[in-house]
Amino acid sequence: MQTDPKQSEPRNPSGRAPDAGEPVPAPAPLPAEEGAHASEPITSDPGRMVAAPALDHHAMAEAPPGAPATPADARAGGQLLTGAAARAALSPIPLSPGRLAWRKLKKNKLALSGGVVLIVLYLVALFAPFIAPYGYTSQERGSNFRPPMPVRLTPAPTVYEVKKSRDQFLKPIFIEDASRPLPIRFFVRGEPYKLFGVIPTNVHLFGVEGGKRIYLLGSDQFGRDYLSRLLYASQISLSVGLLGILITFTLGLLVGGISGFYGGRIDDVIMRLCEVIMSVPDFYLLLALAGTLPPTLPPVQVYVMIVIILSFVGWAGMARIIRGMVLSVREREYVEAARSLGVSDFRIIIRHVLPSTFTYAIVSATLSIPGYILAEAGLSFLNLGIRDPMPSWGNMLSAAQNLTTLEQRTWILAPGVMIFLTTLAFNFLGDGVRDALDPKSR
């Protein structure tokens, strides 16, 4: 294809062809795009060319001596930018690694949904005494295994009182009495409790008046409200994972950091100890340690001991991984510079070595919390963890060991649903955080 040479000749602003020796003017920058393209991000069209920002000659004249002002800088006003340079021109504020990770995390819908579910669960656990209509030990005689009361929303939220009867096979059944409605009231006064363990009050989110009781999720074998116990149990089961992982990763980071930083005999002794702990299957070690707890211990002490046992089992694997990462970091230039300045070894480990492992620690912690929740639930299910009357999702599920109870009272499986939902949400969030913090995936 031939072109007209006259059309390809560069021309000066007056329209005539430049004379010999006359400098060829730079092509004029494209004007800013109008309409919808003016606000369209460059990422939507990576190949689009944009004009570089014009130079501020007044600011250049007032610049202090020594400021960069090269011919290349002067020519930059007429350049056309594309790709990364265009994104940098349109985004004058550079994004930090945290902002880049958050931008990528927001695109992962499963991770965001898992995070929202976890926020809701932990808020409900925090306000459990206020949301629950009764205490976790409050019971009503003759109301064992009472089925959930359906709520009628019109003309106002109402449940009907249930009376106990027997069918033709003499099995106990519960029948609604439509002539005795129980309107649901909000912010009612009931059993006293301490909100956040400090504020004494007796106001509950909902309930019924007249000394009657409401069972939105049925009752257990002792006539205790199952919804109230499920809410109180969330405080135990959800906090066990957070506290356990906090202790585990603190130990793992410190022990692994010390082992990798010093090496030699210290490294050998610590790693052999980790291998001994890791050689025993986790759950059997949990059973052995939990079996040593005397049955007369108060519930609070049992809770603390379960957290310590779970932390003791999990720190060894974390320490080995951190040790391997520290071995590659301790020879870096900034570590050698800190040594030459006389900084103490402990401060170097805390301030310069361990922060390089935080990305892995955050991802691993998010993915490890479900394991702690499941371990506590398993111990409590076997009556080796949290014991009645203090509720946890594990010991509440122990009532489902009876096949008859499981077939006729399906609401007993509600703690299992909560464990499944929490584990799934943590896994979704952990996968999203891992992808967002991985520099290779950007």
Protein backbone atom coordinates (compact mmCIF):
# COMPACT_ATOMS: atom_id res chain seq x y z
CA MET A 1 0.00 0.00 0.00
CA GLN A 2 1.49 3.33 -1.12
CA THR A 3 1.05 6.58 0.75
CA ASP A 4 1.33 10.15 -0.39
CA PRO A 5 4.71 11.43 0.76
CA LYS A 6 3.25 14.89 1.12
CA GLN A 7 0.79 13.65 3.69
CA SER A 8 3.54 12.03 5.76
CA GLU A 9 5.77 15.14 5.86
CA PRO A 10 5.84 16.80 9.28
CA ARG A 11 4.60 20.36 9.17
CA ASN A 12 5.07 23.26 11.51
CA PRO A 13 2.09 25.10 13.08
CA SER A 14 1.82 27.45 10.08
CA GLY A 15 1.02 24.49 7.83
CA ARG A 16 4.13 24.62 5.64
CA ALA A 17 6.80 21.91 5.44
CA PRO A 18 9.86 22.61 7.58
CA ASP A 19 12.99 23.96 5.90
CA ALA A 20 16.31 22.15 5.97
CA GLY A 21 17.93 22.44 9.39
CA GLU A 22 14.71 23.62 11.00
CA PRO A 23 13.80 21.42 14.03
CA VAL A 24 10.80 19.20 13.57
CA PRO A 25 8.11 20.03 16.14
CA ALA A 26 6.87 17.24 18.40
CA PRO A 27 3.39 15.94 17.65
CA ALA A 28 0.73 17.70 19.64
CA PRO A 29 -0.59 15.65 22.57
CA LEU A 30 -4.04 14.22 22.23
CA PRO A 31 -6.66 16.27 24.03
CA ALA A 32 -8.35 14.83 27.10
CA GLU A 33 -11.14 12.51 26.11
CA GLU A 34 -14.58 13.89 26.53
CA GLY A 35 -17.84 12.44 27.78
CA ALA A 36 -17.80 8.98 29.26
CA HIS A 37 -14.11 8.41 28.34
CA ALA A 38 -12.94 11.23 30.59
CA SER A 39 -13.78 9.31 33.74
CA GLU A 40 -13.11 5.82 32.36
CA PRO A 41 -10.15 4.16 34.15
CA ILE A 42 -7.13 3.26 32.06
CA THR A 43 -7.43 -0.35 33.21
CA SER A 44 -10.55 -0.75 31.05
CA ASP A 45 -8.44 -0.11 27.92
CA PRO A 46 -4.74 -0.82 28.61
CA GLY A 47 -3.71 0.13 25.07
CA ARG A 48 -5.30 3.59 25.13
CA MET A 49 -2.81 6.46 24.85
CA VAL A 50 -3.16 9.53 27.03
CA ALA A 51 -1.34 12.82 27.08
CA ALA A 52 1.28 13.25 29.76
CA PRO A 53 0.50 15.95 32.34
CA ALA A 54 1.72 19.39 31.30
CA LEU A 55 4.81 20.75 32.99
CA ASP A 56 4.40 23.59 35.46
CA HIS A 57 7.08 26.01 34.20
CA HIS A 58 6.35 28.47 37.01
CA ALA A 59 7.03 25.77 39.60
CA MET A 60 10.18 24.75 37.73
CA ALA A 61 11.46 28.30 37.82
CA GLU A 62 10.94 28.49 41.58
CA ALA A 63 12.44 25.03 42.21
CA PRO A 64 15.43 24.99 44.58
CA PRO A 65 18.91 24.61 43.14
CA GLY A 66 19.82 21.06 42.31
CA ALA A 67 16.29 20.06 41.33
CA PRO A 68 16.22 17.80 38.25
CA ALA A 69 15.50 19.77 35.10
CA THR A 70 16.87 17.95 32.08
CA PRO A 71 15.96 18.25 28.39
CA ALA A 72 14.17 14.96 28.75
CA ASP A 73 11.98 16.50 31.45
CA ALA A 74 11.21 19.43 29.18
CA ARG A 75 10.25 17.12 26.33
CA ALA A 76 7.99 15.01 28.59
CA GLY A 77 5.11 17.43 28.18
CA GLY A 78 4.69 16.38 24.57
CA GLN A 79 4.94 12.64 25.07
CA LEU A 80 2.11 10.17 24.73
CA LEU A 81 1.89 7.57 27.51
CA THR A 82 0.31 4.14 27.59
CA GLY A 83 0.31 1.06 29.80
CA ALA A 84 1.95 1.39 33.21
CA ALA A 85 3.15 4.94 32.50
CA ALA A 86 -0.40 6.04 31.70
CA ARG A 87 -1.72 4.42 34.89
CA ALA A 88 0.96 6.21 36.89
CA ALA A 89 0.05 9.55 35.28
CA LEU A 90 -3.65 9.09 35.96
CA SER A 91 -3.03 7.83 39.53
CA PRO A 92 -0.70 10.37 41.12
CA ILE A 93 -0.90 8.64 44.55
CA PRO A 94 0.95 5.30 44.50
CA LEU A 95 -0.87 2.39 46.12
CA SER A 96 0.72 0.64 49.09
CA PRO A 97 0.92 -3.18 49.19
CA GLY A 98 -1.96 -3.16 51.68
CA ARG A 99 -4.16 -1.15 49.31
CA LEU A 100 -3.26 -3.39 46.41
CA ALA A 101 -4.17 -6.46 48.46
CA TRP A 102 -7.47 -4.90 49.54
CA ARG A 103 -8.30 -3.97 45.94
CA LYS A 104 -7.77 -7.58 44.88
CA LEU A 105 -9.63 -8.97 47.89
CA LYS A 106 -12.69 -6.87 47.03
CA LYS A 107 -12.92 -8.64 43.68
CA ASN A 108 -13.24 -12.05 45.38
CA LYS A 109 -16.95 -12.35 46.15
CA LEU A 110 -16.59 -15.61 48.09
CA ALA A 111 -13.94 -14.09 50.37
CA LEU A 112 -16.07 -11.01 51.01
CA SER A 113 -19.14 -13.11 51.76
CA GLY A 114 -17.09 -15.22 54.18
CA GLY A 115 -15.83 -12.09 55.90
CA VAL A 116 -19.35 -10.67 56.24
CA VAL A 117 -20.62 -13.94 57.73
CA LEU A 118 -17.78 -13.99 60.27
CA ILE A 119 -18.38 -10.37 61.26
CA VAL A 120 -22.06 -11.16 61.87
CA LEU A 121 -21.22 -14.30 63.87
CA TYR A 122 -18.73 -12.52 66.11
CA LEU A 123 -21.08 -9.58 66.69
CA VAL A 124 -23.84 -12.01 67.68
CA ALA A 125 -21.43 -13.78 70.04
CA LEU A 126 -20.38 -10.46 71.56
CA PHE A 127 -23.99 -9.46 72.29
CA ALA A 128 -25.22 -12.99 73.04
CA PRO A 129 -26.52 -12.24 76.59
CA PHE A 130 -28.59 -9.36 75.20
CA ILE A 131 -29.95 -11.28 72.18
CA ALA A 132 -30.71 -14.48 74.11
CA PRO A 133 -34.10 -14.36 75.86
CA TYR A 134 -32.88 -16.49 78.81
CA GLY A 135 -29.68 -17.56 80.52
CA TYR A 136 -27.94 -20.75 79.43
CA THR A 137 -28.83 -22.49 82.73
CA SER A 138 -32.46 -21.34 82.90
CA GLN A 139 -34.88 -24.25 82.51
CA GLU A 140 -38.60 -25.02 82.71
CA ARG A 141 -39.87 -28.26 84.19
CA GLY A 142 -41.91 -30.43 81.84
CA SER A 143 -40.61 -28.66 78.72
CA ASN A 144 -37.88 -31.08 77.70
CA PHE A 145 -37.45 -31.44 73.94
CA ARG A 146 -40.15 -28.88 73.20
CA PRO A 147 -40.25 -28.25 69.42
CA PRO A 148 -39.60 -24.77 67.93
CA MET A 149 -42.53 -22.36 68.08
CA PRO A 150 -43.47 -20.95 64.65
CA VAL A 151 -43.78 -17.16 64.53
CA ARG A 152 -46.84 -15.49 63.00
CA LEU A 153 -45.91 -12.08 61.63
CA THR A 154 -49.44 -10.67 61.10
CA PRO A 155 -50.88 -8.56 62.52
CA ALA A 156 -47.87 -8.52 64.90
CA PRO A 157 -45.09 -11.02 65.72
CA THR A 158 -46.87 -13.67 67.78
CA VAL A 159 -46.37 -17.25 68.95
CA TYR A 160 -49.04 -19.51 70.45
CA GLU A 161 -48.73 -21.31 73.72
CA VAL A 162 -48.09 -25.03 73.39
CA LYS A 163 -49.70 -27.69 75.54
CA LYS A 164 -48.28 -31.13 76.07
CA SER A 165 -50.33 -34.21 75.16
CA ARG A 166 -49.87 -37.82 74.01
CA ASP A 167 -50.67 -39.51 70.74
CA GLN A 168 -52.31 -42.91 70.20
CA PHE A 169 -48.98 -44.61 70.88
CA LEU A 170 -48.61 -42.70 74.19
CA LYS A 171 -45.70 -40.66 72.84
CA PRO A 172 -45.52 -37.08 74.12
CA ILE A 173 -46.54 -34.46 71.57
CA PHE A 174 -46.98 -30.67 71.70
CA ILE A 175 -50.07 -28.98 70.27
CA GLU A 176 -50.52 -25.26 69.64
CA ASP A 177 -53.35 -23.57 71.51
CA ALA A 178 -54.66 -20.92 69.10
CA SER A 179 -56.79 -19.39 71.85
CA ARG A 180 -53.71 -18.38 73.87
CA PRO A 181 -51.50 -16.10 71.76
CA LEU A 182 -48.21 -14.78 73.14
CA PRO A 183 -47.23 -11.47 71.50
CA ILE A 184 -43.47 -11.05 71.08
CA ARG A 185 -42.19 -7.91 72.76
CA PHE A 186 -38.86 -6.21 72.13
CA PHE A 187 -36.46 -4.85 74.74
CA VAL A 188 -38.19 -6.68 77.53
CA ARG A 189 -36.88 -7.15 81.06
CA GLY A 190 -35.93 -10.63 82.11
CA GLU A 191 -33.09 -12.48 83.80
CA PRO A 192 -30.20 -10.27 84.93
CA TYR A 193 -26.80 -10.60 83.26
CA LYS A 194 -23.61 -8.61 82.67
CA LEU A 195 -23.12 -7.27 79.16
CA PHE A 196 -19.47 -7.71 78.08
CA GLY A 197 -18.95 -9.19 81.53
CA VAL A 198 -19.03 -5.71 83.11
CA ILE A 199 -22.34 -3.86 82.59
CA PRO A 200 -25.16 -5.25 84.79
CA THR A 201 -28.59 -5.15 83.13
CA ASN A 202 -31.71 -7.25 82.62
CA VAL A 203 -32.90 -5.98 79.21
CA HIS A 204 -33.19 -8.61 76.46
CA LEU A 205 -33.78 -8.07 72.75
CA PHE A 206 -37.09 -9.96 72.67
CA GLY A 207 -39.34 -12.13 74.81
CA VAL A 208 -42.92 -12.65 75.96
CA GLU A 209 -44.65 -11.27 79.01
CA GLY A 210 -46.79 -12.85 81.70
CA GLY A 211 -44.17 -15.27 82.98
CA LYS A 212 -44.43 -17.40 79.82
CA ARG A 213 -41.48 -18.68 77.79
CA ILE A 214 -40.74 -18.58 74.09
CA TYR A 215 -38.81 -21.37 72.30
CA LEU A 216 -37.93 -20.20 68.81
CA LEU A 217 -35.44 -23.05 68.42
CA GLY A 218 -37.04 -25.55 70.79
CA SER A 219 -35.59 -26.83 74.06
CA ASP A 220 -33.09 -29.49 75.08
CA GLN A 221 -33.52 -32.58 77.28
CA PHE A 222 -33.50 -30.43 80.44
CA GLY A 223 -36.08 -27.86 79.29
CA ARG A 224 -33.50 -25.14 78.53
CA ASP A 225 -34.04 -22.74 75.63
CA TYR A 226 -31.91 -24.06 72.76
CA LEU A 227 -31.51 -20.68 71.04
CA SER A 228 -30.16 -19.07 74.20
CA ARG A 229 -27.67 -21.88 74.73
CA LEU A 230 -26.63 -21.74 71.06
CA LEU A 231 -25.88 -18.00 71.37
CA TYR A 232 -23.90 -18.44 74.58
CA ALA A 233 -22.05 -21.40 73.04
CA SER A 234 -20.89 -19.18 70.17
CA GLN A 235 -18.88 -17.15 72.68
CA ILE A 236 -16.95 -20.27 73.69
CA SER A 237 -16.48 -21.91 70.30
CA LEU A 238 -15.59 -18.77 68.36
CA SER A 239 -13.22 -17.37 70.99
CA VAL A 240 -11.37 -20.68 71.38
CA GLY A 241 -10.16 -20.41 67.79
CA LEU A 242 -8.97 -16.81 68.11
CA LEU A 243 -7.21 -17.24 71.47
CA GLY A 244 -5.69 -20.56 70.48
CA ILE A 245 -4.30 -19.23 67.21
CA LEU A 246 -2.99 -16.10 68.99
CA ILE A 247 -0.96 -18.17 71.46
CA THR A 248 0.14 -20.67 68.81
CA PHE A 249 1.43 -18.08 66.37
CA THR A 250 3.11 -16.02 69.07
CA LEU A 251 5.04 -19.11 70.18
CA GLY A 252 5.67 -20.26 66.62
CA LEU A 253 6.98 -16.88 65.48
CA LEU A 254 9.27 -16.38 68.47
CA VAL A 255 10.62 -19.94 68.68
CA GLY A 256 11.01 -20.28 64.91
CA GLY A 257 12.61 -16.84 64.66
CA ILE A 258 15.14 -17.60 67.41
CA SER A 259 15.94 -21.02 65.94
CA GLY A 260 16.52 -19.70 62.42
CA PHE A 261 18.39 -16.58 63.50
CA TYR A 262 20.97 -18.26 65.75
CA GLY A 263 21.24 -21.69 64.11
CA GLY A 264 23.79 -24.16 65.47
CA ARG A 265 22.98 -26.11 68.61
CA ILE A 266 20.01 -23.89 69.50
CA ASP A 267 18.47 -24.68 66.13
CA ASP A 268 19.14 -28.41 66.53
CA VAL A 269 17.56 -28.63 70.00
CA ILE A 270 14.46 -26.63 69.09
CA MET A 271 13.86 -28.49 65.83
CA ARG A 272 14.24 -31.91 67.48
CA LEU A 273 11.67 -30.86 70.09
CA CYS A 274 9.29 -29.74 67.32
CA GLU A 275 9.73 -33.05 65.51
CA VAL A 276 8.89 -35.00 68.69
CA ILE A 277 5.67 -33.03 69.15
CA MET A 278 4.74 -33.34 65.47
CA SER A 279 5.38 -37.10 65.46
CA VAL A 280 2.34 -37.68 67.70
CA PRO A 281 -1.04 -37.42 65.88
CA ASP A 282 -2.73 -34.20 66.90
CA PHE A 283 -6.10 -35.54 67.96
CA TYR A 284 -4.64 -38.37 70.04
CA LEU A 285 -2.37 -35.90 71.78
CA LEU A 286 -5.40 -33.70 72.44
CA LEU A 287 -7.27 -36.65 73.90
CA ALA A 288 -4.35 -37.56 76.15
CA LEU A 289 -3.90 -34.01 77.45
CA ALA A 290 -7.63 -33.34 77.86
CA GLY A 291 -8.05 -36.65 79.69
CA THR A 292 -5.72 -35.40 82.44
CA LEU A 293 -8.12 -32.58 83.39
CA PRO A 294 -9.95 -33.44 86.62
CA PRO A 295 -13.76 -33.44 86.26
CA THR A 296 -14.13 -31.14 89.29
CA LEU A 297 -12.47 -28.17 87.59
CA PRO A 298 -14.70 -25.07 87.27
CA PRO A 299 -15.93 -24.39 83.71
CA VAL A 300 -13.79 -21.26 83.33
CA GLN A 301 -10.61 -23.14 84.21
CA VAL A 302 -11.56 -25.94 81.83
CA TYR A 303 -11.98 -23.36 79.07
CA VAL A 304 -8.54 -21.87 79.75
CA MET A 305 -6.91 -25.30 79.86
CA ILE A 306 -8.53 -26.32 76.54
CA VAL A 307 -7.13 -23.17 74.89
CA ILE A 308 -3.65 -23.92 76.27
CA ILE A 309 -3.82 -27.55 75.13
CA LEU A 310 -4.86 -26.59 71.60
CA SER A 311 -2.06 -24.02 71.45
CA PHE A 312 0.54 -26.48 72.71
CA VAL A 313 -0.32 -28.98 69.98
CA GLY A 314 -0.20 -26.50 67.09
CA TRP A 315 2.89 -24.34 67.62
CA ALA A 316 5.56 -26.86 66.47
CA GLY A 317 4.56 -26.94 62.79
CA MET A 318 4.38 -23.15 62.69
CA ALA A 319 7.85 -22.83 64.25
CA ARG A 320 9.44 -25.08 61.60
CA ILE A 321 8.04 -23.03 58.73
CA ILE A 322 9.03 -19.71 60.30
CA ARG A 323 12.53 -21.06 60.96
CA GLY A 324 12.96 -21.85 57.25
CA MET A 325 11.84 -18.34 56.28
CA VAL A 326 14.16 -16.70 58.82
CA LEU A 327 17.15 -18.65 57.48
CA SER A 328 16.73 -16.84 54.15
CA VAL A 329 16.13 -13.43 55.75
CA ARG A 330 18.95 -13.25 58.31
CA GLU A 331 21.59 -12.67 55.62
CA ARG A 332 19.81 -9.70 54.06
CA GLU A 333 21.57 -6.32 53.89
CA TYR A 334 19.25 -4.54 56.32
CA VAL A 335 19.83 -7.25 58.93
CA GLU A 336 23.61 -6.93 58.52
CA ALA A 337 23.30 -3.15 58.77
CA ALA A 338 21.35 -3.46 62.05
CA ARG A 339 24.05 -5.76 63.41
CA SER A 340 26.80 -3.33 62.46
CA LEU A 341 24.97 -0.54 64.30
CA GLY A 342 24.99 -2.60 67.50
CA VAL A 343 21.28 -3.39 67.63
CA SER A 344 20.50 -6.26 70.03
CA ASP A 345 19.66 -9.68 68.59
CA PHE A 346 16.18 -9.73 70.12
CA ARG A 347 15.36 -6.32 68.61
CA ILE A 348 16.66 -7.46 65.21
CA ILE A 349 14.45 -10.55 65.36
CA ILE A 350 11.36 -8.60 66.43
CA ARG A 351 11.78 -5.48 64.27
CA HIS A 352 13.59 -6.68 61.14
CA VAL A 353 13.33 -10.46 60.72
CA LEU A 354 9.86 -11.53 61.85
CA PRO A 355 7.90 -8.80 59.96
CA SER A 356 8.99 -10.44 56.70
CA THR A 357 7.04 -13.55 57.76
CA PHE A 358 3.80 -11.76 58.67
CA THR A 359 2.21 -12.30 55.26
CA TYR A 360 2.50 -16.05 55.62
CA ALA A 361 1.42 -15.86 59.28
CA ILE A 362 -1.76 -13.93 58.48
CA VAL A 363 -2.80 -16.33 55.74
CA SER A 364 -1.94 -19.41 57.78
CA ALA A 365 -3.78 -18.10 60.85
CA THR A 366 -6.96 -17.45 58.87
CA LEU A 367 -6.89 -20.97 57.48
CA SER A 368 -5.99 -22.59 60.84
CA ILE A 369 -8.76 -21.14 63.03
CA PRO A 370 -11.40 -23.65 61.78
CA GLY A 371 -9.13 -26.48 62.91
CA TYR A 372 -9.13 -25.14 66.46
CA ILE A 373 -12.91 -24.76 66.46
CA LEU A 374 -13.33 -28.33 65.19
CA ALA A 375 -10.82 -29.66 67.74
CA GLU A 376 -12.70 -28.02 70.62
CA ALA A 377 -16.00 -29.29 69.27
CA GLY A 378 -14.60 -32.82 69.03
CA LEU A 379 -13.26 -32.77 72.60
CA SER A 380 -16.50 -31.35 73.96
CA PHE A 381 -18.54 -33.86 71.96
CA LEU A 382 -16.56 -36.64 73.71
CA ASN A 383 -17.08 -34.93 77.08
CA LEU A 384 -13.36 -34.17 77.37
CA GLY A 385 -13.61 -30.44 76.69
CA ILE A 386 -16.16 -27.86 77.82
CA ARG A 387 -18.61 -29.62 80.12
CA ASP A 388 -22.26 -29.03 80.90
CA PRO A 389 -23.80 -26.69 82.05
CA MET A 390 -21.44 -24.31 80.19
CA PRO A 391 -22.50 -24.62 76.54
CA SER A 392 -20.30 -25.04 73.50
CA TRP A 393 -21.28 -26.16 70.04
CA GLY A 394 -19.49 -29.45 70.64
CA ASN A 395 -21.17 -30.52 73.88
CA MET A 396 -24.55 -29.38 72.57
CA LEU A 397 -24.12 -31.84 69.70
CA SER A 398 -23.56 -34.69 72.15
CA ALA A 399 -27.35 -34.97 72.50
CA ALA A 400 -27.47 -36.05 68.85
CA GLN A 401 -25.71 -39.35 69.64
CA ASN A 402 -29.13 -40.86 70.34
CA LEU A 403 -30.62 -42.03 67.05
CA THR A 404 -34.20 -41.55 68.26
CA THR A 405 -33.43 -37.99 69.30
CA LEU A 406 -31.74 -37.32 65.97
CA GLU A 407 -34.72 -38.55 63.96
CA GLN A 408 -37.50 -36.85 65.92
CA ARG A 409 -35.77 -33.64 67.11
CA THR A 410 -33.83 -32.29 64.18
CA TRP A 411 -33.30 -28.87 65.82
CA ILE A 412 -30.64 -30.54 67.97
CA LEU A 413 -28.36 -30.37 64.90
CA ALA A 414 -28.31 -26.54 64.90
CA PRO A 415 -24.78 -26.40 66.47
CA GLY A 416 -23.50 -28.61 63.65
CA VAL A 417 -24.90 -26.16 61.12
CA MET A 418 -23.11 -23.30 62.90
CA ILE A 419 -19.80 -25.20 62.92
CA PHE A 420 -20.17 -25.94 59.19
CA LEU A 421 -21.04 -22.31 58.38
CA THR A 422 -18.14 -20.91 60.44
CA THR A 423 -15.60 -23.33 58.96
CA LEU A 424 -16.75 -22.57 55.41
CA ALA A 425 -16.60 -18.80 56.00
CA PHE A 426 -13.06 -18.99 57.41
CA ASN A 427 -11.90 -21.11 54.47
CA PHE A 428 -13.40 -18.71 51.92
CA LEU A 429 -11.81 -15.73 53.65
CA GLY A 430 -8.47 -17.48 54.05
CA ASP A 431 -8.30 -18.43 50.37
CA GLY A 432 -9.12 -14.85 49.38
CA VAL A 433 -6.48 -13.37 51.70
CA ARG A 434 -3.88 -15.82 50.41
CA ASP A 435 -4.58 -14.85 46.78
CA ALA A 436 -4.62 -11.13 47.60
CA LEU A 437 -1.27 -11.21 49.44
CA ASP A 438 0.47 -13.40 46.86
CA PRO A 439 2.67 -11.09 44.74
CA LYS A 440 2.90 -13.69 41.96
CA SER A 441 -0.84 -13.45 41.30
CA ARG A 442 -0.86 -9.71 40.65
